[in-house]
Amino acid sequence: MTTEIAEHHRKPPSALVFMTRAFLPSAGLPRDGGLPRIVQYWAGLRIDAGRVAACERATGLGSVDGVSILFPHVLGFRLQMAALTHPAFPLPIWNALQVRNRLVRLRHIDLEDTCDLETRVGGHRLSEKGVEIDLVSRLSHGSRSCWESVVTYFYRGHFEGERSERIAASAPDLSAASIVDRFRMPKGGGWAFGRLTGDYNGIHNWNWYARRLGFPGAFSHPQRVAGMCLARLQGPRSEVQTLDLWLKGPVFYGADVILSAIRDDRGLTFGLALEGDERTAIAGEWRATAELGD
């Protein structure tokens, strides 16, 4: 049995530490395709009202019943960064592309609650184009699980090992969606949102850096874009909720965007696109159910 590699935190994991670790060489995915059992634990995490307010200022997304389904993902993103930059993790974080999120709120999370959060390296799937790796997180208050997530990262390349036959859930069809809102993305705010997530990647802060990587300019953190979408939608009011997100492309600062949605028996399906671009930059499904697996 593979030994668990655990790191324990009593405060938010330091961005300086995991950004420094990001420059260390990576060993590469083993031939057997196995991954180390890396686990990040953050004990005594407090749902601080100041951080909740900062997130609401950045996105417009608040909550009438404590904490939104998105907020633990924002606050706990540092654990994902710590896992992906751990010296035992075999692939460089610079090649990681966040492609899907499944967030599940199991019960209300109150402001000022003290919780425990863990993030662990989960399953992975090899394909002809690369490998998908899941990071699985769980937020608990005492003995009760309050919130869970599966965040999937994609690494492009050819990797040895058996190809998976599992097919990931496709992004929803939005051809029948109606326009909910048109708005313009803020022209900045990457540093402020980075203080919440610990993600100070230059693509969220500097146009010149983003252009060096082939983008037209700097763009917003995907969690912030998702929050701006949710703030403009009438989502489920239930205690239990599931939010699936498909991250398809960047949403640039200052861009004009169109938010569209469909409401049906399953809940709310939505998508955000850049004005003049038929492609969806971010798509989602928001439902009043707890769906923990695919």
C-alpha atoms as a PDB file:
ATOM      1  CA  MET A   1       0.000   0.000   0.000  1.00  0.00           C
ATOM      2  CA  THR A   2       1.306   3.451  -0.916  1.00  0.00           C
ATOM      3  CA  THR A   3       2.164   5.568   2.110  1.00  0.00           C
ATOM      4  CA  GLU A   4       0.118   8.707   2.594  1.00  0.00           C
ATOM      5  CA  ILE A   5       2.142  11.910   2.308  1.00  0.00           C
ATOM      6  CA  ALA A   6       0.493  14.485   4.539  1.00  0.00           C
ATOM      7  CA  GLU A   7       1.071  18.165   5.217  1.00  0.00           C
ATOM      8  CA  HIS A   8      -0.729  19.857   8.107  1.00  0.00           C
ATOM      9  CA  HIS A   9      -1.584  23.546   8.281  1.00  0.00           C
ATOM     10  CA  ARG A  10      -2.893  25.685  11.136  1.00  0.00           C
ATOM     11  CA  LYS A  11      -3.211  28.788   8.967  1.00  0.00           C
ATOM     12  CA  PRO A  12      -3.627  29.490   5.240  1.00  0.00           C
ATOM     13  CA  PRO A  13      -0.828  27.731   3.337  1.00  0.00           C
ATOM     14  CA  SER A  14       1.799  30.262   2.323  1.00  0.00           C
ATOM     15  CA  ALA A  15       1.721  31.309  -1.328  1.00  0.00           C
ATOM     16  CA  LEU A  16       5.435  32.065  -1.080  1.00  0.00           C
ATOM     17  CA  VAL A  17       6.143  28.449  -0.106  1.00  0.00           C
ATOM     18  CA  PHE A  18       4.120  26.746  -2.803  1.00  0.00           C
ATOM     19  CA  MET A  19       5.096  29.236  -5.514  1.00  0.00           C
ATOM     20  CA  THR A  20       8.756  28.604  -4.661  1.00  0.00           C
ATOM     21  CA  ARG A  21       8.166  24.851  -4.827  1.00  0.00           C
ATOM     22  CA  ALA A  22       6.626  25.307  -8.280  1.00  0.00           C
ATOM     23  CA  PHE A  23      10.125  25.923  -9.673  1.00  0.00           C
ATOM     24  CA  LEU A  24      11.501  22.604  -8.444  1.00  0.00           C
ATOM     25  CA  PRO A  25      12.009  19.891 -11.116  1.00  0.00           C
ATOM     26  CA  SER A  26       9.258  17.268 -11.524  1.00  0.00           C
ATOM     27  CA  ALA A  27       9.965  13.574 -11.906  1.00  0.00           C
ATOM     28  CA  GLY A  28       7.238  12.900 -14.463  1.00  0.00           C
ATOM     29  CA  LEU A  29       4.330  10.491 -14.317  1.00  0.00           C
ATOM     30  CA  PRO A  30       5.560   6.951 -13.461  1.00  0.00           C
ATOM     31  CA  ARG A  31       5.259   4.289 -16.140  1.00  0.00           C
ATOM     32  CA  ASP A  32       2.615   2.500 -14.094  1.00  0.00           C
ATOM     33  CA  GLY A  33       0.564   5.725 -14.089  1.00  0.00           C
ATOM     34  CA  GLY A  34       0.368   5.745 -10.297  1.00  0.00           C
ATOM     35  CA  LEU A  35       0.166   8.932  -8.260  1.00  0.00           C
ATOM     36  CA  PRO A  36       1.400   9.622  -4.719  1.00  0.00           C
ATOM     37  CA  ARG A  37      -1.245   9.840  -1.984  1.00  0.00           C
ATOM     38  CA  ILE A  38      -0.654  13.491  -1.138  1.00  0.00           C
ATOM     39  CA  VAL A  39      -3.053  14.989   1.405  1.00  0.00           C
ATOM     40  CA  GLN A  40      -3.220  18.578   2.619  1.00  0.00           C
ATOM     41  CA  TYR A  41      -4.952  19.220   5.974  1.00  0.00           C
ATOM     42  CA  TRP A  42      -6.027  22.646   7.224  1.00  0.00           C
ATOM     43  CA  ALA A  43      -7.315  22.317  10.784  1.00  0.00           C
ATOM     44  CA  GLY A  44      -9.119  25.131  12.560  1.00  0.00           C
ATOM     45  CA  LEU A  45     -10.047  26.994   9.392  1.00  0.00           C
ATOM     46  CA  ARG A  46     -12.363  29.845  10.333  1.00  0.00           C
ATOM     47  CA  ILE A  47     -15.032  31.064   7.926  1.00  0.00           C
ATOM     48  CA  ASP A  48     -13.895  34.636   8.402  1.00  0.00           C
ATOM     49  CA  ALA A  49     -16.467  37.344   7.684  1.00  0.00           C
ATOM     50  CA  GLY A  50     -13.764  39.587   6.248  1.00  0.00           C
ATOM     51  CA  ARG A  51     -12.766  37.041   3.603  1.00  0.00           C
ATOM     52  CA  VAL A  52     -16.409  36.344   2.780  1.00  0.00           C
ATOM     53  CA  ALA A  53     -16.960  40.097   2.318  1.00  0.00           C
ATOM     54  CA  ALA A  54     -13.854  40.383   0.127  1.00  0.00           C
ATOM     55  CA  CYS A  55     -15.114  37.566  -2.075  1.00  0.00           C
ATOM     56  CA  GLU A  56     -18.512  39.253  -2.341  1.00  0.00           C
ATOM     57  CA  ARG A  57     -16.888  42.551  -3.332  1.00  0.00           C
ATOM     58  CA  ALA A  58     -14.943  40.801  -6.085  1.00  0.00           C
ATOM     59  CA  THR A  59     -17.867  38.802  -7.474  1.00  0.00           C
ATOM     60  CA  GLY A  60     -21.119  40.311  -6.212  1.00  0.00           C
ATOM     61  CA  LEU A  61     -22.029  36.878  -4.877  1.00  0.00           C
ATOM     62  CA  GLY A  62     -23.392  36.853  -1.347  1.00  0.00           C
ATOM     63  CA  SER A  63     -25.565  34.365   0.490  1.00  0.00           C
ATOM     64  CA  VAL A  64     -28.751  34.748   2.501  1.00  0.00           C
ATOM     65  CA  ASP A  65     -28.039  31.564   4.431  1.00  0.00           C
ATOM     66  CA  GLY A  66     -24.421  31.776   5.549  1.00  0.00           C
ATOM     67  CA  VAL A  67     -21.778  30.936   2.972  1.00  0.00           C
ATOM     68  CA  SER A  68     -22.246  30.401  -0.762  1.00  0.00           C
ATOM     69  CA  ILE A  69     -21.458  27.075  -2.418  1.00  0.00           C
ATOM     70  CA  LEU A  70     -18.499  28.726  -4.184  1.00  0.00           C
ATOM     71  CA  PHE A  71     -16.754  30.282  -1.193  1.00  0.00           C
ATOM     72  CA  PRO A  72     -15.093  27.148   0.294  1.00  0.00           C
ATOM     73  CA  HIS A  73     -13.581  26.504  -3.151  1.00  0.00           C
ATOM     74  CA  VAL A  74     -12.128  30.025  -3.195  1.00  0.00           C
ATOM     75  CA  LEU A  75     -10.835  29.888   0.375  1.00  0.00           C
ATOM     76  CA  GLY A  76      -9.484  26.350   0.071  1.00  0.00           C
ATOM     77  CA  PHE A  77      -7.761  26.813  -3.274  1.00  0.00           C
ATOM     78  CA  ARG A  78      -4.449  27.224  -1.442  1.00  0.00           C
ATOM     79  CA  LEU A  79      -4.603  23.544  -0.460  1.00  0.00           C
ATOM     80  CA  GLN A  80      -4.883  22.585  -4.118  1.00  0.00           C
ATOM     81  CA  MET A  81      -1.881  24.734  -4.945  1.00  0.00           C
ATOM     82  CA  ALA A  82       0.043  23.121  -2.093  1.00  0.00           C
ATOM     83  CA  ALA A  83      -0.836  19.629  -3.354  1.00  0.00           C
ATOM     84  CA  LEU A  84       0.084  20.346  -6.969  1.00  0.00           C
ATOM     85  CA  THR A  85       3.457  21.863  -5.979  1.00  0.00           C
ATOM     86  CA  HIS A  86       4.377  19.204  -3.420  1.00  0.00           C
ATOM     87  CA  PRO A  87       7.863  17.815  -4.201  1.00  0.00           C
ATOM     88  CA  ALA A  88       6.347  14.323  -4.516  1.00  0.00           C
ATOM     89  CA  PHE A  89       3.784  15.379  -7.122  1.00  0.00           C
ATOM     90  CA  PRO A  90       5.166  14.156 -10.453  1.00  0.00           C
ATOM     91  CA  LEU A  91       3.962  16.899 -12.838  1.00  0.00           C
ATOM     92  CA  PRO A  92       4.726  20.657 -12.936  1.00  0.00           C
ATOM     93  CA  ILE A  93       1.942  22.985 -11.921  1.00  0.00           C
ATOM     94  CA  TRP A  94       2.747  25.262 -14.879  1.00  0.00           C
ATOM     95  CA  ASN A  95       1.291  22.615 -17.202  1.00  0.00           C
ATOM     96  CA  ALA A  96      -1.917  22.154 -15.191  1.00  0.00           C
ATOM     97  CA  LEU A  97      -5.142  23.351 -16.759  1.00  0.00           C
ATOM     98  CA  GLN A  98      -8.204  23.442 -14.492  1.00  0.00           C
ATOM     99  CA  VAL A  99     -11.047  22.081 -16.628  1.00  0.00           C
ATOM    100  CA  ARG A 100     -13.936  20.967 -14.380  1.00  0.00           C
ATOM    101  CA  ASN A 101     -15.273  21.619 -10.888  1.00  0.00           C
ATOM    102  CA  ARG A 102     -17.961  19.780  -8.985  1.00  0.00           C
ATOM    103  CA  LEU A 103     -18.885  21.593  -5.772  1.00  0.00           C
ATOM    104  CA  VAL A 104     -21.435  20.155  -3.347  1.00  0.00           C
ATOM    105  CA  ARG A 105     -22.870  21.915  -0.309  1.00  0.00           C
ATOM    106  CA  LEU A 106     -24.351  19.356   2.069  1.00  0.00           C
ATOM    107  CA  ARG A 107     -25.609  21.772   4.733  1.00  0.00           C
ATOM    108  CA  HIS A 108     -25.520  25.440   5.641  1.00  0.00           C
ATOM    109  CA  ILE A 109     -22.103  26.819   6.553  1.00  0.00           C
ATOM    110  CA  ASP A 110     -22.329  29.721   8.952  1.00  0.00           C
ATOM    111  CA  LEU A 111     -20.093  32.753   9.204  1.00  0.00           C
ATOM    112  CA  GLU A 112     -17.416  32.441  11.875  1.00  0.00           C
ATOM    113  CA  ASP A 113     -17.698  28.642  11.940  1.00  0.00           C
ATOM    114  CA  THR A 114     -14.405  26.879  12.657  1.00  0.00           C
ATOM    115  CA  CYS A 115     -13.961  23.957  10.275  1.00  0.00           C
ATOM    116  CA  ASP A 116     -11.412  21.449   9.027  1.00  0.00           C
ATOM    117  CA  LEU A 117     -10.577  21.170   5.331  1.00  0.00           C
ATOM    118  CA  GLU A 118      -8.651  18.451   3.562  1.00  0.00           C
ATOM    119  CA  THR A 119      -7.607  18.133  -0.069  1.00  0.00           C
ATOM    120  CA  ARG A 120      -6.185  14.918  -1.456  1.00  0.00           C
ATOM    121  CA  VAL A 121      -4.944  13.671  -4.797  1.00  0.00           C
ATOM    122  CA  GLY A 122      -7.736  11.476  -6.138  1.00  0.00           C
ATOM    123  CA  GLY A 123      -8.272   9.469  -9.290  1.00  0.00           C
ATOM    124  CA  HIS A 124      -6.711  10.040 -12.681  1.00  0.00           C
ATOM    125  CA  ARG A 125      -7.482   9.068 -16.267  1.00  0.00           C
ATOM    126  CA  LEU A 126      -5.115   8.677 -19.206  1.00  0.00           C
ATOM    127  CA  SER A 127      -6.202   9.552 -22.731  1.00  0.00           C
ATOM    128  CA  GLU A 128      -4.491   9.983 -26.070  1.00  0.00           C
ATOM    129  CA  LYS A 129      -4.211  13.726 -25.433  1.00  0.00           C
ATOM    130  CA  GLY A 130      -2.964  13.684 -21.859  1.00  0.00           C
ATOM    131  CA  VAL A 131      -3.953  12.898 -18.294  1.00  0.00           C
ATOM    132  CA  GLU A 132      -6.756  14.186 -16.049  1.00  0.00           C
ATOM    133  CA  ILE A 133      -6.122  14.311 -12.304  1.00  0.00           C
ATOM    134  CA  ASP A 134      -8.779  14.888  -9.638  1.00  0.00           C
ATOM    135  CA  LEU A 135      -8.221  16.748  -6.389  1.00  0.00           C
ATOM    136  CA  VAL A 136     -10.881  15.799  -3.842  1.00  0.00           C
ATOM    137  CA  SER A 137     -11.716  18.154  -0.966  1.00  0.00           C
ATOM    138  CA  ARG A 138     -13.939  17.911   2.100  1.00  0.00           C
ATOM    139  CA  LEU A 139     -14.924  20.651   4.564  1.00  0.00           C
ATOM    140  CA  SER A 140     -16.240  19.488   7.915  1.00  0.00           C
ATOM    141  CA  HIS A 141     -17.586  21.182  11.043  1.00  0.00           C
ATOM    142  CA  GLY A 142     -17.031  18.854  13.951  1.00  0.00           C
ATOM    143  CA  SER A 143     -18.098  15.391  12.811  1.00  0.00           C
ATOM    144  CA  ARG A 144     -20.386  16.722  10.071  1.00  0.00           C
ATOM    145  CA  SER A 145     -19.366  17.027   6.459  1.00  0.00           C
ATOM    146  CA  CYS A 146     -20.564  20.401   5.148  1.00  0.00           C
ATOM    147  CA  TRP A 147     -19.105  20.688   1.658  1.00  0.00           C
ATOM    148  CA  GLU A 148     -17.186  18.567  -0.835  1.00  0.00           C
ATOM    149  CA  SER A 149     -15.593  19.085  -4.202  1.00  0.00           C
ATOM    150  CA  VAL A 150     -13.842  17.326  -7.068  1.00  0.00           C
ATOM    151  CA  VAL A 151     -11.627  19.630  -9.132  1.00  0.00           C
ATOM    152  CA  THR A 152     -10.134  18.168 -12.311  1.00  0.00           C
ATOM    153  CA  TYR A 153      -6.862  19.295 -13.871  1.00  0.00           C
ATOM    154  CA  PHE A 154      -5.671  18.336 -17.338  1.00  0.00           C
ATOM    155  CA  TYR A 155      -2.039  17.872 -18.367  1.00  0.00           C
ATOM    156  CA  ARG A 156      -1.487  17.705 -22.097  1.00  0.00           C
ATOM    157  CA  GLY A 157       1.098  15.224 -23.407  1.00  0.00           C
ATOM    158  CA  HIS A 158       1.792  11.568 -24.033  1.00  0.00           C
ATOM    159  CA  PHE A 159       1.983   9.432 -20.912  1.00  0.00           C
ATOM    160  CA  GLU A 160       2.643   5.735 -20.590  1.00  0.00           C
ATOM    161  CA  GLY A 161      -0.061   3.545 -19.098  1.00  0.00           C
ATOM    162  CA  GLU A 162      -3.465   2.059 -19.761  1.00  0.00           C
ATOM    163  CA  ARG A 163      -5.938   4.423 -21.401  1.00  0.00           C
ATOM    164  CA  SER A 164      -9.167   5.024 -19.492  1.00  0.00           C
ATOM    165  CA  GLU A 165     -12.507   4.114 -21.020  1.00  0.00           C
ATOM    166  CA  ARG A 166     -14.319   6.465 -18.685  1.00  0.00           C
ATOM    167  CA  ILE A 167     -15.855   9.439 -20.484  1.00  0.00           C
ATOM    168  CA  ALA A 168     -16.189  12.632 -18.493  1.00  0.00           C
ATOM    169  CA  ALA A 169     -19.505  14.438 -18.426  1.00  0.00           C
ATOM    170  CA  SER A 170     -19.768  16.846 -21.342  1.00  0.00           C
ATOM    171  CA  ALA A 171     -20.494  20.524 -20.935  1.00  0.00           C
ATOM    172  CA  PRO A 172     -24.233  21.234 -21.189  1.00  0.00           C
ATOM    173  CA  ASP A 173     -25.966  22.171 -24.421  1.00  0.00           C
ATOM    174  CA  LEU A 174     -26.789  25.877 -24.284  1.00  0.00           C
ATOM    175  CA  SER A 175     -28.247  26.266 -27.775  1.00  0.00           C
ATOM    176  CA  ALA A 176     -31.710  27.013 -26.314  1.00  0.00           C
ATOM    177  CA  ALA A 177     -30.465  29.357 -23.576  1.00  0.00           C
ATOM    178  CA  SER A 178     -31.875  32.861 -23.214  1.00  0.00           C
ATOM    179  CA  ILE A 179     -29.774  35.910 -22.438  1.00  0.00           C
ATOM    180  CA  VAL A 180     -29.863  36.838 -18.747  1.00  0.00           C
ATOM    181  CA  ASP A 181     -27.407  39.718 -18.733  1.00  0.00           C
ATOM    182  CA  ARG A 182     -24.748  41.561 -20.671  1.00  0.00           C
ATOM    183  CA  PHE A 183     -21.956  43.184 -18.690  1.00  0.00           C
ATOM    184  CA  ARG A 184     -18.329  44.213 -18.817  1.00  0.00           C
ATOM    185  CA  MET A 185     -15.648  42.445 -16.832  1.00  0.00           C
ATOM    186  CA  PRO A 186     -13.633  44.577 -14.400  1.00  0.00           C
ATOM    187  CA  LYS A 187     -10.299  45.842 -15.721  1.00  0.00           C
ATOM    188  CA  GLY A 188      -8.288  44.431 -12.853  1.00  0.00           C
ATOM    189  CA  GLY A 189      -8.496  42.953  -9.375  1.00  0.00           C
ATOM    190  CA  GLY A 190      -6.193  39.971  -9.888  1.00  0.00           C
ATOM    191  CA  TRP A 191      -3.959  40.801  -6.949  1.00  0.00           C
ATOM    192  CA  ALA A 192      -6.900  41.230  -4.565  1.00  0.00           C
ATOM    193  CA  PHE A 193      -8.493  37.962  -5.611  1.00  0.00           C
ATOM    194  CA  GLY A 194      -5.105  36.269  -5.437  1.00  0.00           C
ATOM    195  CA  ARG A 195      -4.989  37.150  -1.743  1.00  0.00           C
ATOM    196  CA  LEU A 196      -8.112  35.004  -1.321  1.00  0.00           C
ATOM    197  CA  THR A 197      -7.009  32.032  -3.429  1.00  0.00           C
ATOM    198  CA  GLY A 198      -3.237  32.180  -3.131  1.00  0.00           C
ATOM    199  CA  ASP A 199      -3.064  32.088  -6.943  1.00  0.00           C
ATOM    200  CA  TYR A 200      -0.692  34.861  -8.043  1.00  0.00           C
ATOM    201  CA  ASN A 201      -0.065  33.479 -11.516  1.00  0.00           C
ATOM    202  CA  GLY A 202       1.047  36.318 -13.778  1.00  0.00           C
ATOM    203  CA  ILE A 203      -1.664  35.517 -16.336  1.00  0.00           C
ATOM    204  CA  HIS A 204      -4.115  37.092 -13.876  1.00  0.00           C
ATOM    205  CA  ASN A 205      -2.040  40.223 -13.316  1.00  0.00           C
ATOM    206  CA  TRP A 206       0.126  41.289 -16.257  1.00  0.00           C
ATOM    207  CA  ASN A 207      -0.781  41.671 -19.915  1.00  0.00           C
ATOM    208  CA  TRP A 208       2.831  41.291 -21.022  1.00  0.00           C
ATOM    209  CA  TYR A 209       3.172  37.985 -19.174  1.00  0.00           C
ATOM    210  CA  ALA A 210      -0.107  36.620 -20.542  1.00  0.00           C
ATOM    211  CA  ARG A 211       0.971  37.577 -24.088  1.00  0.00           C
ATOM    212  CA  ARG A 212       4.248  35.692 -23.660  1.00  0.00           C
ATOM    213  CA  LEU A 213       2.141  32.597 -23.040  1.00  0.00           C
ATOM    214  CA  GLY A 214       0.032  33.179 -26.149  1.00  0.00           C
ATOM    215  CA  PHE A 215      -2.991  34.986 -24.674  1.00  0.00           C
ATOM    216  CA  PRO A 216      -4.230  38.380 -25.912  1.00  0.00           C
ATOM    217  CA  GLY A 217      -3.997  39.741 -22.398  1.00  0.00           C
ATOM    218  CA  ALA A 218      -4.429  39.032 -18.697  1.00  0.00           C
ATOM    219  CA  PHE A 219      -7.649  37.428 -17.531  1.00  0.00           C
ATOM    220  CA  SER A 220      -9.671  36.874 -14.390  1.00  0.00           C
ATOM    221  CA  HIS A 221      -9.424  33.890 -12.051  1.00  0.00           C
ATOM    222  CA  PRO A 222     -12.069  31.330 -13.084  1.00  0.00           C
ATOM    223  CA  GLN A 223     -13.512  31.238  -9.551  1.00  0.00           C
ATOM    224  CA  ARG A 224     -14.140  34.965  -9.752  1.00  0.00           C
ATOM    225  CA  VAL A 225     -15.833  34.648 -13.154  1.00  0.00           C
ATOM    226  CA  ALA A 226     -18.013  31.840 -11.813  1.00  0.00           C
ATOM    227  CA  GLY A 227     -19.014  33.981  -8.843  1.00  0.00           C
ATOM    228  CA  MET A 228     -19.973  36.873 -11.103  1.00  0.00           C
ATOM    229  CA  CYS A 229     -22.216  34.494 -13.058  1.00  0.00           C
ATOM    230  CA  LEU A 230     -23.865  33.049  -9.938  1.00  0.00           C
ATOM    231  CA  ALA A 231     -24.494  36.546  -8.570  1.00  0.00           C
ATOM    232  CA  ARG A 232     -26.631  37.317 -11.637  1.00  0.00           C
ATOM    233  CA  LEU A 233     -28.638  34.078 -11.534  1.00  0.00           C
ATOM    234  CA  GLN A 234     -31.475  32.957  -9.293  1.00  0.00           C
ATOM    235  CA  GLY A 235     -30.029  29.688  -8.109  1.00  0.00           C
ATOM    236  CA  PRO A 236     -31.553  27.112  -5.762  1.00  0.00           C
ATOM    237  CA  ARG A 237     -32.452  28.294  -2.269  1.00  0.00           C
ATOM    238  CA  SER A 238     -32.118  24.837  -0.766  1.00  0.00           C
ATOM    239  CA  GLU A 239     -29.600  23.915   1.892  1.00  0.00           C
ATOM    240  CA  VAL A 240     -28.223  21.123  -0.301  1.00  0.00           C
ATOM    241  CA  GLN A 241     -26.780  22.193  -3.661  1.00  0.00           C
ATOM    242  CA  THR A 242     -24.525  20.930  -6.444  1.00  0.00           C
ATOM    243  CA  LEU A 243     -22.628  23.223  -8.794  1.00  0.00           C
ATOM    244  CA  ASP A 244     -20.826  21.799 -11.828  1.00  0.00           C
ATOM    245  CA  LEU A 245     -18.518  24.096 -13.791  1.00  0.00           C
ATOM    246  CA  TRP A 246     -16.769  23.539 -17.108  1.00  0.00           C
ATOM    247  CA  LEU A 247     -13.878  25.964 -17.686  1.00  0.00           C
ATOM    248  CA  LYS A 248     -13.514  26.280 -21.434  1.00  0.00           C
ATOM    249  CA  GLY A 249     -11.487  29.453 -22.000  1.00  0.00           C
ATOM    250  CA  PRO A 250     -10.191  32.707 -20.489  1.00  0.00           C
ATOM    251  CA  VAL A 251     -12.387  35.718 -19.709  1.00  0.00           C
ATOM    252  CA  PHE A 252     -10.244  38.791 -20.215  1.00  0.00           C
ATOM    253  CA  TYR A 253     -10.275  41.931 -18.083  1.00  0.00           C
ATOM    254  CA  GLY A 254     -12.437  44.645 -19.603  1.00  0.00           C
ATOM    255  CA  ALA A 255     -14.190  42.219 -21.974  1.00  0.00           C
ATOM    256  CA  ASP A 256     -17.878  42.542 -22.803  1.00  0.00           C
ATOM    257  CA  VAL A 257     -19.619  39.263 -21.964  1.00  0.00           C
ATOM    258  CA  ILE A 258     -23.027  37.625 -22.365  1.00  0.00           C
ATOM    259  CA  LEU A 259     -24.581  35.412 -19.683  1.00  0.00           C
ATOM    260  CA  SER A 260     -27.274  32.979 -20.862  1.00  0.00           C
ATOM    261  CA  ALA A 261     -29.288  30.383 -18.969  1.00  0.00           C
ATOM    262  CA  ILE A 262     -31.959  27.683 -19.132  1.00  0.00           C
ATOM    263  CA  ARG A 263     -34.178  26.703 -16.216  1.00  0.00           C
ATOM    264  CA  ASP A 264     -35.734  23.233 -16.204  1.00  0.00           C
ATOM    265  CA  ASP A 265     -36.780  20.443 -13.796  1.00  0.00           C
ATOM    266  CA  ARG A 266     -33.139  19.656 -12.974  1.00  0.00           C
ATOM    267  CA  GLY A 267     -32.273  23.227 -12.026  1.00  0.00           C
ATOM    268  CA  LEU A 268     -30.339  25.943 -13.784  1.00  0.00           C
ATOM    269  CA  THR A 269     -27.944  25.582 -16.723  1.00  0.00           C
ATOM    270  CA  PHE A 270     -25.878  28.588 -17.747  1.00  0.00           C
ATOM    271  CA  GLY A 271     -23.006  29.780 -19.856  1.00  0.00           C
ATOM    272  CA  LEU A 272     -20.842  32.867 -20.248  1.00  0.00           C
ATOM    273  CA  ALA A 273     -19.330  33.908 -23.574  1.00  0.00           C
ATOM    274  CA  LEU A 274     -17.279  36.824 -24.792  1.00  0.00           C
ATOM    275  CA  GLU A 275     -19.280  39.268 -26.892  1.00  0.00           C
ATOM    276  CA  GLY A 276     -18.841  38.298 -30.540  1.00  0.00           C
ATOM    277  CA  ASP A 277     -17.543  34.798 -29.762  1.00  0.00           C
ATOM    278  CA  GLU A 278     -19.864  31.818 -30.185  1.00  0.00           C
ATOM    279  CA  ARG A 279     -17.728  29.657 -27.928  1.00  0.00           C
ATOM    280  CA  THR A 280     -18.650  29.363 -24.247  1.00  0.00           C
ATOM    281  CA  ALA A 281     -15.878  30.437 -21.894  1.00  0.00           C
ATOM    282  CA  ILE A 282     -17.507  28.944 -18.805  1.00  0.00           C
ATOM    283  CA  ALA A 283     -20.552  26.693 -18.490  1.00  0.00           C
ATOM    284  CA  GLY A 284     -22.348  25.400 -15.437  1.00  0.00           C
ATOM    285  CA  GLU A 285     -25.213  23.472 -13.902  1.00  0.00           C
ATOM    286  CA  TRP A 286     -26.621  24.524 -10.516  1.00  0.00           C
ATOM    287  CA  ARG A 287     -29.022  22.088  -8.874  1.00  0.00           C
ATOM    288  CA  ALA A 288     -30.811  21.584  -5.543  1.00  0.00           C
ATOM    289  CA  THR A 289     -29.382  18.114  -5.016  1.00  0.00           C
ATOM    290  CA  ALA A 290     -26.221  16.517  -3.637  1.00  0.00           C
ATOM    291  CA  GLU A 291     -24.415  14.684  -6.428  1.00  0.00           C
ATOM    292  CA  LEU A 292     -21.040  13.580  -5.128  1.00  0.00           C
ATOM    293  CA  GLY A 293     -19.895  11.462  -8.053  1.00  0.00           C
ATOM    294  CA  ASP A 294     -20.055  11.509 -11.830  1.00  0.00           C
END
